[in-house]
Amino acid sequence: KKNADPQRTAFLLHKQWTLYSVTPLYRFSDAHLKDYTRLLSAFVAAEKQKGLAVEIGVELDIKVAFSSLPDLQGSDQDQAAILVQLFLRSSASKNNSGEKLLWSGWFCSVSGEDFSENKPEGFTCLPLFLTNGAESYTAIVGSWFQKTFDCYFRRLAISPLNLSWMAAMWTGCKVDKTVPALELVFSVPRLPQPLDISYAIHPEDAKALWDTVQKTPGEVTQEEVDVFMDCLYSHFHRHFKIHLSAAKLVKVSTAIASAHCDGIIKFLQSQYLTGVLMLLTELAVSQIQ
């Protein structure tokens, strides 16, 4: 199993990424990234002519860049991740210093081999797509990909069940630096005013609890996740007389990553990047199938 090179993937950390699942791309080839750069640039320019994303009085020039992120692979069978970036060049400065990153999106499939084995001829499987930047650009880039490669994008939500898995699994991970508290955010249903309950657990307590629950190191079962969450719920109930099991888990923050049920993720540790992406690839694939 490969580990991502921390230097080359550092820009993915500490940003908020929105998750999508993508059906296989027809006739996509990473040998043609230069051509795609040219075609997408023309498409973005045409969309801008229609009056989208234009600032008055400024000659905007949006530069498109495609590149490959070979580090983000779970194994050699995985397709290399593809990064798409939109930069803003102001006409005042012709040199690169005038470039400002507007939007980033990347496709990846970390340990998605089982999924790609069954794909028809001519298709490339990159089921997970992550974006950072204005939704208007996501829509433009998305529609170009859909037209060009006959694929379909869907927002990827994360269920409370999957969030509880993330809380348990990531609590058990070893991190060198000082670890922030494990934080769980719950939304209380059926109230006239929306109410969120934030529950922070000291990282050492959370880790100690997980260590007592987990039977086989390196493996996690549904039963262990349930026991872990139930222990946290009963502890909370003892103190506050509130049944968290009746509320909906909407967000989990750990030292490894933070995830929101709306399909928003922040990666915090480069050494666990491929591990988190493996989990997200699995969720994306299950939404497509």
C-alpha atoms as a PDB file:
ATOM      1  CA  LYS A   1       0.000   0.000   0.000  1.00  0.00           C
ATOM      2  CA  LYS A   2       1.332   3.387  -0.996  1.00  0.00           C
ATOM      3  CA  ASN A   3       1.511   6.372   1.277  1.00  0.00           C
ATOM      4  CA  ALA A   4       0.907   9.794  -0.180  1.00  0.00           C
ATOM      5  CA  ASP A   5       3.932  12.081  -0.318  1.00  0.00           C
ATOM      6  CA  PRO A   6       3.153  14.715   2.368  1.00  0.00           C
ATOM      7  CA  GLN A   7       4.895  17.492   0.385  1.00  0.00           C
ATOM      8  CA  ARG A   8       2.877  16.891  -2.753  1.00  0.00           C
ATOM      9  CA  THR A   9      -0.463  16.507  -1.025  1.00  0.00           C
ATOM     10  CA  ALA A  10      -0.119  19.208   1.659  1.00  0.00           C
ATOM     11  CA  PHE A  11      -2.415  21.575  -0.264  1.00  0.00           C
ATOM     12  CA  LEU A  12      -5.308  19.120   0.234  1.00  0.00           C
ATOM     13  CA  LEU A  13      -5.148  19.479   4.032  1.00  0.00           C
ATOM     14  CA  HIS A  14      -7.119  21.956   6.184  1.00  0.00           C
ATOM     15  CA  LYS A  15      -9.455  22.964   3.340  1.00  0.00           C
ATOM     16  CA  GLN A  16     -13.150  22.274   3.179  1.00  0.00           C
ATOM     17  CA  TRP A  17     -13.941  19.798   0.375  1.00  0.00           C
ATOM     18  CA  THR A  18     -17.437  19.050  -0.911  1.00  0.00           C
ATOM     19  CA  LEU A  19     -17.985  15.426  -1.930  1.00  0.00           C
ATOM     20  CA  TYR A  20     -19.606  14.037  -5.072  1.00  0.00           C
ATOM     21  CA  SER A  21     -19.895  10.583  -6.562  1.00  0.00           C
ATOM     22  CA  VAL A  22     -19.252  10.241 -10.308  1.00  0.00           C
ATOM     23  CA  THR A  23     -20.278   7.500 -12.730  1.00  0.00           C
ATOM     24  CA  PRO A  24     -17.452   6.095 -14.924  1.00  0.00           C
ATOM     25  CA  LEU A  25     -15.984   8.487 -17.504  1.00  0.00           C
ATOM     26  CA  TYR A  26     -16.253   7.338 -21.132  1.00  0.00           C
ATOM     27  CA  ARG A  27     -13.069   7.662 -23.216  1.00  0.00           C
ATOM     28  CA  PHE A  28     -11.194   9.659 -20.605  1.00  0.00           C
ATOM     29  CA  SER A  29      -7.416   9.296 -20.764  1.00  0.00           C
ATOM     30  CA  ASP A  30      -4.819  10.945 -18.565  1.00  0.00           C
ATOM     31  CA  ALA A  31      -2.556  11.014 -21.624  1.00  0.00           C
ATOM     32  CA  HIS A  32      -4.763  13.834 -22.971  1.00  0.00           C
ATOM     33  CA  LEU A  33      -4.719  16.272 -20.052  1.00  0.00           C
ATOM     34  CA  LYS A  34      -3.220  19.015 -22.288  1.00  0.00           C
ATOM     35  CA  ASP A  35      -6.150  18.734 -24.710  1.00  0.00           C
ATOM     36  CA  TYR A  36      -8.655  18.756 -21.850  1.00  0.00           C
ATOM     37  CA  THR A  37      -7.009  21.912 -20.488  1.00  0.00           C
ATOM     38  CA  ARG A  38      -7.571  23.629 -23.843  1.00  0.00           C
ATOM     39  CA  LEU A  39     -11.159  22.387 -24.239  1.00  0.00           C
ATOM     40  CA  LEU A  40     -12.248  23.215 -20.702  1.00  0.00           C
ATOM     41  CA  SER A  41     -10.631  26.688 -20.984  1.00  0.00           C
ATOM     42  CA  ALA A  42     -12.727  27.383 -24.073  1.00  0.00           C
ATOM     43  CA  PHE A  43     -15.848  26.090 -22.329  1.00  0.00           C
ATOM     44  CA  VAL A  44     -15.264  28.262 -19.225  1.00  0.00           C
ATOM     45  CA  ALA A  45     -14.671  31.315 -21.462  1.00  0.00           C
ATOM     46  CA  ALA A  46     -17.921  30.641 -23.345  1.00  0.00           C
ATOM     47  CA  GLU A  47     -19.878  30.281 -20.088  1.00  0.00           C
ATOM     48  CA  LYS A  48     -18.352  33.538 -18.868  1.00  0.00           C
ATOM     49  CA  GLN A  49     -19.513  35.284 -22.061  1.00  0.00           C
ATOM     50  CA  LYS A  50     -23.050  34.347 -21.040  1.00  0.00           C
ATOM     51  CA  GLY A  51     -22.628  36.703 -18.125  1.00  0.00           C
ATOM     52  CA  LEU A  52     -21.608  34.232 -15.471  1.00  0.00           C
ATOM     53  CA  ALA A  53     -18.970  35.209 -12.932  1.00  0.00           C
ATOM     54  CA  VAL A  54     -17.953  38.441 -14.621  1.00  0.00           C
ATOM     55  CA  GLU A  55     -16.670  41.406 -12.667  1.00  0.00           C
ATOM     56  CA  ILE A  56     -17.453  44.767 -14.231  1.00  0.00           C
ATOM     57  CA  GLY A  57     -14.491  46.775 -15.481  1.00  0.00           C
ATOM     58  CA  VAL A  58     -11.946  44.024 -14.998  1.00  0.00           C
ATOM     59  CA  GLU A  59     -10.687  41.945 -17.873  1.00  0.00           C
ATOM     60  CA  LEU A  60     -10.815  38.506 -16.322  1.00  0.00           C
ATOM     61  CA  ASP A  61      -8.808  35.681 -17.692  1.00  0.00           C
ATOM     62  CA  ILE A  62      -9.441  32.279 -16.183  1.00  0.00           C
ATOM     63  CA  LYS A  63      -6.652  29.793 -16.635  1.00  0.00           C
ATOM     64  CA  VAL A  64      -7.418  26.075 -16.418  1.00  0.00           C
ATOM     65  CA  ALA A  65      -4.841  23.527 -15.250  1.00  0.00           C
ATOM     66  CA  PHE A  66      -5.163  19.729 -15.324  1.00  0.00           C
ATOM     67  CA  SER A  67      -2.611  17.610 -13.516  1.00  0.00           C
ATOM     68  CA  SER A  68      -2.180  14.106 -12.229  1.00  0.00           C
ATOM     69  CA  LEU A  69      -1.800  13.248  -8.508  1.00  0.00           C
ATOM     70  CA  PRO A  70      -0.174   9.802  -8.684  1.00  0.00           C
ATOM     71  CA  ASP A  71       0.430   9.755  -4.911  1.00  0.00           C
ATOM     72  CA  LEU A  72      -3.243   9.298  -4.130  1.00  0.00           C
ATOM     73  CA  GLN A  73      -3.535   5.594  -4.812  1.00  0.00           C
ATOM     74  CA  GLY A  74      -4.360   2.760  -2.471  1.00  0.00           C
ATOM     75  CA  SER A  75      -2.581   0.320  -4.780  1.00  0.00           C
ATOM     76  CA  ASP A  76      -0.961   0.145  -8.214  1.00  0.00           C
ATOM     77  CA  GLN A  77      -4.261  -0.961  -9.725  1.00  0.00           C
ATOM     78  CA  ASP A  78      -5.845   2.398  -8.907  1.00  0.00           C
ATOM     79  CA  GLN A  79      -6.243   5.059 -11.543  1.00  0.00           C
ATOM     80  CA  ALA A  80      -4.079   8.120 -10.701  1.00  0.00           C
ATOM     81  CA  ALA A  81      -6.075  10.982  -9.193  1.00  0.00           C
ATOM     82  CA  ILE A  82      -6.755  13.940 -11.505  1.00  0.00           C
ATOM     83  CA  LEU A  83      -6.625  17.529 -10.260  1.00  0.00           C
ATOM     84  CA  VAL A  84      -8.447  20.359 -12.048  1.00  0.00           C
ATOM     85  CA  GLN A  85      -7.721  23.956 -11.016  1.00  0.00           C
ATOM     86  CA  LEU A  86      -9.082  27.303 -12.141  1.00  0.00           C
ATOM     87  CA  PHE A  87      -6.840  30.334 -11.673  1.00  0.00           C
ATOM     88  CA  LEU A  88      -7.678  33.979 -12.099  1.00  0.00           C
ATOM     89  CA  ARG A  89      -5.176  36.010 -14.096  1.00  0.00           C
ATOM     90  CA  SER A  90      -5.625  39.745 -13.994  1.00  0.00           C
ATOM     91  CA  SER A  91      -4.568  41.480 -17.206  1.00  0.00           C
ATOM     92  CA  ALA A  92      -2.439  43.915 -15.177  1.00  0.00           C
ATOM     93  CA  SER A  93       0.129  41.270 -14.349  1.00  0.00           C
ATOM     94  CA  LYS A  94       1.261  38.989 -17.124  1.00  0.00           C
ATOM     95  CA  ASN A  95       3.566  37.051 -14.829  1.00  0.00           C
ATOM     96  CA  ASN A  96       2.463  34.182 -12.598  1.00  0.00           C
ATOM     97  CA  SER A  97       2.411  36.272  -9.431  1.00  0.00           C
ATOM     98  CA  GLY A  98      -0.926  37.684 -10.607  1.00  0.00           C
ATOM     99  CA  GLU A  99      -2.542  34.237 -10.553  1.00  0.00           C
ATOM    100  CA  LYS A 100      -5.022  33.542  -7.828  1.00  0.00           C
ATOM    101  CA  LEU A 101      -6.484  30.074  -7.247  1.00  0.00           C
ATOM    102  CA  LEU A 102     -10.252  30.333  -7.712  1.00  0.00           C
ATOM    103  CA  TRP A 103     -11.420  26.739  -7.590  1.00  0.00           C
ATOM    104  CA  SER A 104     -10.023  23.199  -7.253  1.00  0.00           C
ATOM    105  CA  GLY A 105     -11.593  19.837  -7.922  1.00  0.00           C
ATOM    106  CA  TRP A 106     -10.080  16.366  -8.004  1.00  0.00           C
ATOM    107  CA  PHE A 107     -11.187  12.904  -9.022  1.00  0.00           C
ATOM    108  CA  CYS A 108      -9.861   9.844  -7.289  1.00  0.00           C
ATOM    109  CA  SER A 109     -10.368   6.167  -6.658  1.00  0.00           C
ATOM    110  CA  VAL A 110      -8.424   4.868  -3.683  1.00  0.00           C
ATOM    111  CA  SER A 111      -8.631   1.058  -3.544  1.00  0.00           C
ATOM    112  CA  GLY A 112     -11.605   1.103  -5.872  1.00  0.00           C
ATOM    113  CA  GLU A 113     -10.286  -1.867  -7.930  1.00  0.00           C
ATOM    114  CA  ASP A 114     -13.333  -4.098  -7.297  1.00  0.00           C
ATOM    115  CA  PHE A 115     -15.466  -1.356  -8.788  1.00  0.00           C
ATOM    116  CA  SER A 116     -13.231  -0.795 -11.831  1.00  0.00           C
ATOM    117  CA  GLU A 117     -12.905  -4.535 -12.577  1.00  0.00           C
ATOM    118  CA  ASN A 118     -16.554  -4.735 -13.636  1.00  0.00           C
ATOM    119  CA  LYS A 119     -16.517  -1.618 -15.774  1.00  0.00           C
ATOM    120  CA  PRO A 120     -17.315  -1.832 -19.487  1.00  0.00           C
ATOM    121  CA  GLU A 121     -14.612  -1.276 -22.126  1.00  0.00           C
ATOM    122  CA  GLY A 122     -13.554   2.335 -22.666  1.00  0.00           C
ATOM    123  CA  PHE A 123     -14.587   3.613 -19.236  1.00  0.00           C
ATOM    124  CA  THR A 124     -12.353   5.105 -16.514  1.00  0.00           C
ATOM    125  CA  CYS A 125     -13.488   4.784 -12.902  1.00  0.00           C
ATOM    126  CA  LEU A 126     -12.789   7.790 -10.676  1.00  0.00           C
ATOM    127  CA  PRO A 127     -15.907   7.554  -8.484  1.00  0.00           C
ATOM    128  CA  LEU A 128     -15.002  10.219  -5.910  1.00  0.00           C
ATOM    129  CA  PHE A 129     -14.912  13.928  -6.804  1.00  0.00           C
ATOM    130  CA  LEU A 130     -14.008  16.646  -4.264  1.00  0.00           C
ATOM    131  CA  THR A 131     -14.328  20.394  -4.797  1.00  0.00           C
ATOM    132  CA  ASN A 132     -13.209  23.554  -3.028  1.00  0.00           C
ATOM    133  CA  GLY A 133     -14.477  26.895  -4.339  1.00  0.00           C
ATOM    134  CA  ALA A 134     -17.635  28.585  -5.623  1.00  0.00           C
ATOM    135  CA  GLU A 135     -20.498  26.286  -6.633  1.00  0.00           C
ATOM    136  CA  SER A 136     -20.898  28.241  -9.882  1.00  0.00           C
ATOM    137  CA  TYR A 137     -17.488  26.903 -11.000  1.00  0.00           C
ATOM    138  CA  THR A 138     -18.337  23.383  -9.825  1.00  0.00           C
ATOM    139  CA  ALA A 139     -21.438  23.572 -12.040  1.00  0.00           C
ATOM    140  CA  ILE A 140     -19.448  24.768 -15.084  1.00  0.00           C
ATOM    141  CA  VAL A 141     -16.680  22.175 -14.710  1.00  0.00           C
ATOM    142  CA  GLY A 142     -19.228  19.462 -13.893  1.00  0.00           C
ATOM    143  CA  SER A 143     -21.327  20.185 -16.968  1.00  0.00           C
ATOM    144  CA  TRP A 144     -18.231  20.075 -19.213  1.00  0.00           C
ATOM    145  CA  PHE A 145     -17.249  16.670 -17.792  1.00  0.00           C
ATOM    146  CA  GLN A 146     -20.814  15.374 -18.175  1.00  0.00           C
ATOM    147  CA  LYS A 147     -20.957  16.485 -21.834  1.00  0.00           C
ATOM    148  CA  THR A 148     -17.451  15.322 -22.691  1.00  0.00           C
ATOM    149  CA  PHE A 149     -17.280  11.979 -20.882  1.00  0.00           C
ATOM    150  CA  ASP A 150     -20.946  11.043 -20.587  1.00  0.00           C
ATOM    151  CA  CYS A 151     -20.781  10.841 -16.783  1.00  0.00           C
ATOM    152  CA  TYR A 152     -23.107  11.971 -14.013  1.00  0.00           C
ATOM    153  CA  PHE A 153     -22.326  13.742 -10.714  1.00  0.00           C
ATOM    154  CA  ARG A 154     -24.285  13.457  -7.484  1.00  0.00           C
ATOM    155  CA  ARG A 155     -23.691  15.114  -4.127  1.00  0.00           C
ATOM    156  CA  LEU A 156     -22.421  12.527  -1.674  1.00  0.00           C
ATOM    157  CA  ALA A 157     -24.008  12.731   1.764  1.00  0.00           C
ATOM    158  CA  ILE A 158     -22.563  10.887   4.781  1.00  0.00           C
ATOM    159  CA  SER A 159     -25.101   8.996   6.884  1.00  0.00           C
ATOM    160  CA  PRO A 160     -25.108   9.204  10.717  1.00  0.00           C
ATOM    161  CA  LEU A 161     -24.113   5.512  10.679  1.00  0.00           C
ATOM    162  CA  ASN A 162     -21.025   6.255   8.563  1.00  0.00           C
ATOM    163  CA  LEU A 163     -20.195   9.272  10.742  1.00  0.00           C
ATOM    164  CA  SER A 164     -20.214   7.055  13.829  1.00  0.00           C
ATOM    165  CA  TRP A 165     -17.812   4.650  12.062  1.00  0.00           C
ATOM    166  CA  MET A 166     -15.514   7.586  11.331  1.00  0.00           C
ATOM    167  CA  ALA A 167     -15.657   8.732  14.966  1.00  0.00           C
ATOM    168  CA  ALA A 168     -14.705   5.251  16.203  1.00  0.00           C
ATOM    169  CA  MET A 169     -12.050   4.445  13.602  1.00  0.00           C
ATOM    170  CA  TRP A 170     -10.307   7.809  13.674  1.00  0.00           C
ATOM    171  CA  THR A 171     -10.302   7.886  17.486  1.00  0.00           C
ATOM    172  CA  GLY A 172      -8.199   4.718  17.385  1.00  0.00           C
ATOM    173  CA  CYS A 173      -5.552   6.197  15.070  1.00  0.00           C
ATOM    174  CA  LYS A 174      -2.174   7.213  16.461  1.00  0.00           C
ATOM    175  CA  VAL A 175      -1.151  10.828  15.861  1.00  0.00           C
ATOM    176  CA  ASP A 176       2.204  12.350  16.855  1.00  0.00           C
ATOM    177  CA  LYS A 177       1.084  15.859  17.713  1.00  0.00           C
ATOM    178  CA  THR A 178      -1.230  17.005  20.483  1.00  0.00           C
ATOM    179  CA  VAL A 179      -4.644  15.756  19.593  1.00  0.00           C
ATOM    180  CA  PRO A 180      -7.775  17.920  19.655  1.00  0.00           C
ATOM    181  CA  ALA A 181     -10.874  16.656  21.446  1.00  0.00           C
ATOM    182  CA  LEU A 182     -13.202  14.252  19.661  1.00  0.00           C
ATOM    183  CA  GLU A 183     -16.240  16.386  18.903  1.00  0.00           C
ATOM    184  CA  LEU A 184     -19.655  15.068  17.911  1.00  0.00           C
ATOM    185  CA  VAL A 185     -22.418  17.429  16.804  1.00  0.00           C
ATOM    186  CA  PHE A 186     -26.032  16.287  17.002  1.00  0.00           C
ATOM    187  CA  SER A 187     -29.091  17.922  15.531  1.00  0.00           C
ATOM    188  CA  VAL A 188     -32.270  17.587  17.608  1.00  0.00           C
ATOM    189  CA  PRO A 189     -35.301  16.835  15.414  1.00  0.00           C
ATOM    190  CA  ARG A 190     -38.881  18.100  15.624  1.00  0.00           C
ATOM    191  CA  LEU A 191     -38.200  21.329  17.479  1.00  0.00           C
ATOM    192  CA  PRO A 192     -39.696  24.694  16.484  1.00  0.00           C
ATOM    193  CA  GLN A 193     -36.172  26.184  16.519  1.00  0.00           C
ATOM    194  CA  PRO A 194     -33.213  24.162  15.231  1.00  0.00           C
ATOM    195  CA  LEU A 195     -31.001  22.994  18.085  1.00  0.00           C
ATOM    196  CA  ASP A 196     -27.542  21.489  17.818  1.00  0.00           C
ATOM    197  CA  ILE A 197     -25.792  19.753  20.694  1.00  0.00           C
ATOM    198  CA  SER A 198     -22.013  19.672  20.616  1.00  0.00           C
ATOM    199  CA  TYR A 199     -20.372  16.909  22.649  1.00  0.00           C
ATOM    200  CA  ALA A 200     -16.590  17.080  23.121  1.00  0.00           C
ATOM    201  CA  ILE A 201     -14.691  14.127  24.580  1.00  0.00           C
ATOM    202  CA  HIS A 202     -11.095  14.390  25.786  1.00  0.00           C
ATOM    203  CA  PRO A 203      -8.985  12.541  23.176  1.00  0.00           C
ATOM    204  CA  GLU A 204      -7.284  10.287  25.735  1.00  0.00           C
ATOM    205  CA  ASP A 205     -10.651   9.292  27.234  1.00  0.00           C
ATOM    206  CA  ALA A 206     -12.069   8.577  23.788  1.00  0.00           C
ATOM    207  CA  LYS A 207      -8.999   6.502  22.851  1.00  0.00           C
ATOM    208  CA  ALA A 208      -9.101   4.585  26.172  1.00  0.00           C
ATOM    209  CA  LEU A 209     -12.787   3.796  25.620  1.00  0.00           C
ATOM    210  CA  TRP A 210     -12.161   2.608  22.053  1.00  0.00           C
ATOM    211  CA  ASP A 211      -9.259   0.435  23.216  1.00  0.00           C
ATOM    212  CA  THR A 212     -11.551  -1.353  25.682  1.00  0.00           C
ATOM    213  CA  VAL A 213     -14.204  -1.864  22.992  1.00  0.00           C
ATOM    214  CA  GLN A 214     -12.043  -2.985  20.078  1.00  0.00           C
ATOM    215  CA  LYS A 215     -11.345  -6.709  19.987  1.00  0.00           C
ATOM    216  CA  THR A 216      -8.995  -7.118  16.999  1.00  0.00           C
ATOM    217  CA  PRO A 217      -6.550  -4.269  16.374  1.00  0.00           C
ATOM    218  CA  GLY A 218      -6.741  -3.035  12.792  1.00  0.00           C
ATOM    219  CA  GLU A 219     -10.254  -4.367  12.299  1.00  0.00           C
ATOM    220  CA  VAL A 220     -13.486  -2.582  13.119  1.00  0.00           C
ATOM    221  CA  THR A 221     -16.912  -4.215  13.353  1.00  0.00           C
ATOM    222  CA  GLN A 222     -20.384  -2.688  13.441  1.00  0.00           C
ATOM    223  CA  GLU A 223     -20.881  -4.138  16.920  1.00  0.00           C
ATOM    224  CA  GLU A 224     -17.765  -2.341  18.231  1.00  0.00           C
ATOM    225  CA  VAL A 225     -18.889   0.970  16.719  1.00  0.00           C
ATOM    226  CA  ASP A 226     -22.334   0.531  18.326  1.00  0.00           C
ATOM    227  CA  VAL A 227     -20.843  -0.232  21.753  1.00  0.00           C
ATOM    228  CA  PHE A 228     -18.486   2.742  21.474  1.00  0.00           C
ATOM    229  CA  MET A 229     -21.329   5.138  20.599  1.00  0.00           C
ATOM    230  CA  ASP A 230     -23.650   3.659  23.263  1.00  0.00           C
ATOM    231  CA  CYS A 231     -21.000   4.220  25.942  1.00  0.00           C
ATOM    232  CA  LEU A 232     -20.653   7.859  24.852  1.00  0.00           C
ATOM    233  CA  TYR A 233     -24.445   8.256  24.843  1.00  0.00           C
ATOM    234  CA  SER A 234     -24.898   6.787  28.326  1.00  0.00           C
ATOM    235  CA  HIS A 235     -22.085   8.950  29.708  1.00  0.00           C
ATOM    236  CA  PHE A 236     -23.807  12.029  28.260  1.00  0.00           C
ATOM    237  CA  HIS A 237     -27.170  10.919  29.619  1.00  0.00           C
ATOM    238  CA  ARG A 238     -25.758  10.444  33.127  1.00  0.00           C
ATOM    239  CA  HIS A 239     -24.584  14.065  33.149  1.00  0.00           C
ATOM    240  CA  PHE A 240     -27.285  15.892  31.219  1.00  0.00           C
ATOM    241  CA  LYS A 241     -30.300  13.545  31.182  1.00  0.00           C
ATOM    242  CA  ILE A 242     -30.483  13.864  27.402  1.00  0.00           C
ATOM    243  CA  HIS A 243     -30.848  10.856  25.094  1.00  0.00           C
ATOM    244  CA  LEU A 244     -28.455  11.593  22.224  1.00  0.00           C
ATOM    245  CA  SER A 245     -29.584   8.419  20.485  1.00  0.00           C
ATOM    246  CA  ALA A 246     -32.833  10.265  19.709  1.00  0.00           C
ATOM    247  CA  ALA A 247     -30.894  13.058  17.959  1.00  0.00           C
ATOM    248  CA  LYS A 248     -29.177  12.878  14.551  1.00  0.00           C
ATOM    249  CA  LEU A 249     -25.376  12.787  14.372  1.00  0.00           C
ATOM    250  CA  VAL A 250     -24.481  15.486  11.820  1.00  0.00           C
ATOM    251  CA  LYS A 251     -20.766  16.142  12.299  1.00  0.00           C
ATOM    252  CA  VAL A 252     -17.661  14.403  13.604  1.00  0.00           C
ATOM    253  CA  SER A 253     -14.331  16.163  14.276  1.00  0.00           C
ATOM    254  CA  THR A 254     -11.226  14.156  15.089  1.00  0.00           C
ATOM    255  CA  ALA A 255      -7.465  14.591  14.781  1.00  0.00           C
ATOM    256  CA  ILE A 256      -7.539  12.721  11.453  1.00  0.00           C
ATOM    257  CA  ALA A 257     -10.341  14.570   9.676  1.00  0.00           C
ATOM    258  CA  SER A 258     -13.677  16.228  10.222  1.00  0.00           C
ATOM    259  CA  ALA A 259     -16.789  15.185   8.317  1.00  0.00           C
ATOM    260  CA  HIS A 260     -20.277  16.662   8.006  1.00  0.00           C
ATOM    261  CA  CYS A 261     -23.406  14.747   6.959  1.00  0.00           C
ATOM    262  CA  ASP A 262     -23.903  17.153   4.007  1.00  0.00           C
ATOM    263  CA  GLY A 263     -20.832  15.599   2.424  1.00  0.00           C
ATOM    264  CA  ILE A 264     -18.191  18.070   3.510  1.00  0.00           C
ATOM    265  CA  ILE A 265     -14.788  16.889   4.678  1.00  0.00           C
ATOM    266  CA  LYS A 266     -11.553  18.377   5.954  1.00  0.00           C
ATOM    267  CA  PHE A 267      -8.374  16.277   5.952  1.00  0.00           C
ATOM    268  CA  LEU A 268      -6.045  17.047   8.845  1.00  0.00           C
ATOM    269  CA  GLN A 269      -3.245  14.443   8.680  1.00  0.00           C
ATOM    270  CA  SER A 270      -1.303  13.593   5.549  1.00  0.00           C
ATOM    271  CA  GLN A 271      -0.354  10.107   6.768  1.00  0.00           C
ATOM    272  CA  TYR A 272      -4.038   9.121   6.976  1.00  0.00           C
ATOM    273  CA  LEU A 273      -5.087  10.811   3.733  1.00  0.00           C
ATOM    274  CA  THR A 274      -5.248   7.643   1.614  1.00  0.00           C
ATOM    275  CA  GLY A 275      -7.042   5.787   4.417  1.00  0.00           C
ATOM    276  CA  VAL A 276      -9.790   8.417   4.607  1.00  0.00           C
ATOM    277  CA  LEU A 277     -10.049   8.538   0.795  1.00  0.00           C
ATOM    278  CA  MET A 278     -10.439   4.756   0.723  1.00  0.00           C
ATOM    279  CA  LEU A 279     -13.483   5.040   2.975  1.00  0.00           C
ATOM    280  CA  LEU A 280     -14.930   7.898   0.888  1.00  0.00           C
ATOM    281  CA  THR A 281     -14.291   5.986  -2.379  1.00  0.00           C
ATOM    282  CA  GLU A 282     -16.286   3.097  -0.919  1.00  0.00           C
ATOM    283  CA  LEU A 283     -19.196   5.447  -0.059  1.00  0.00           C
ATOM    284  CA  ALA A 284     -19.088   6.995  -3.547  1.00  0.00           C
ATOM    285  CA  VAL A 285     -19.074   3.568  -5.218  1.00  0.00           C
ATOM    286  CA  SER A 286     -22.001   2.338  -3.114  1.00  0.00           C
ATOM    287  CA  GLN A 287     -24.004   5.415  -4.201  1.00  0.00           C
ATOM    288  CA  ILE A 288     -23.296   4.732  -7.902  1.00  0.00           C
ATOM    289  CA  GLN A 289     -24.037   0.992  -7.903  1.00  0.00           C
END
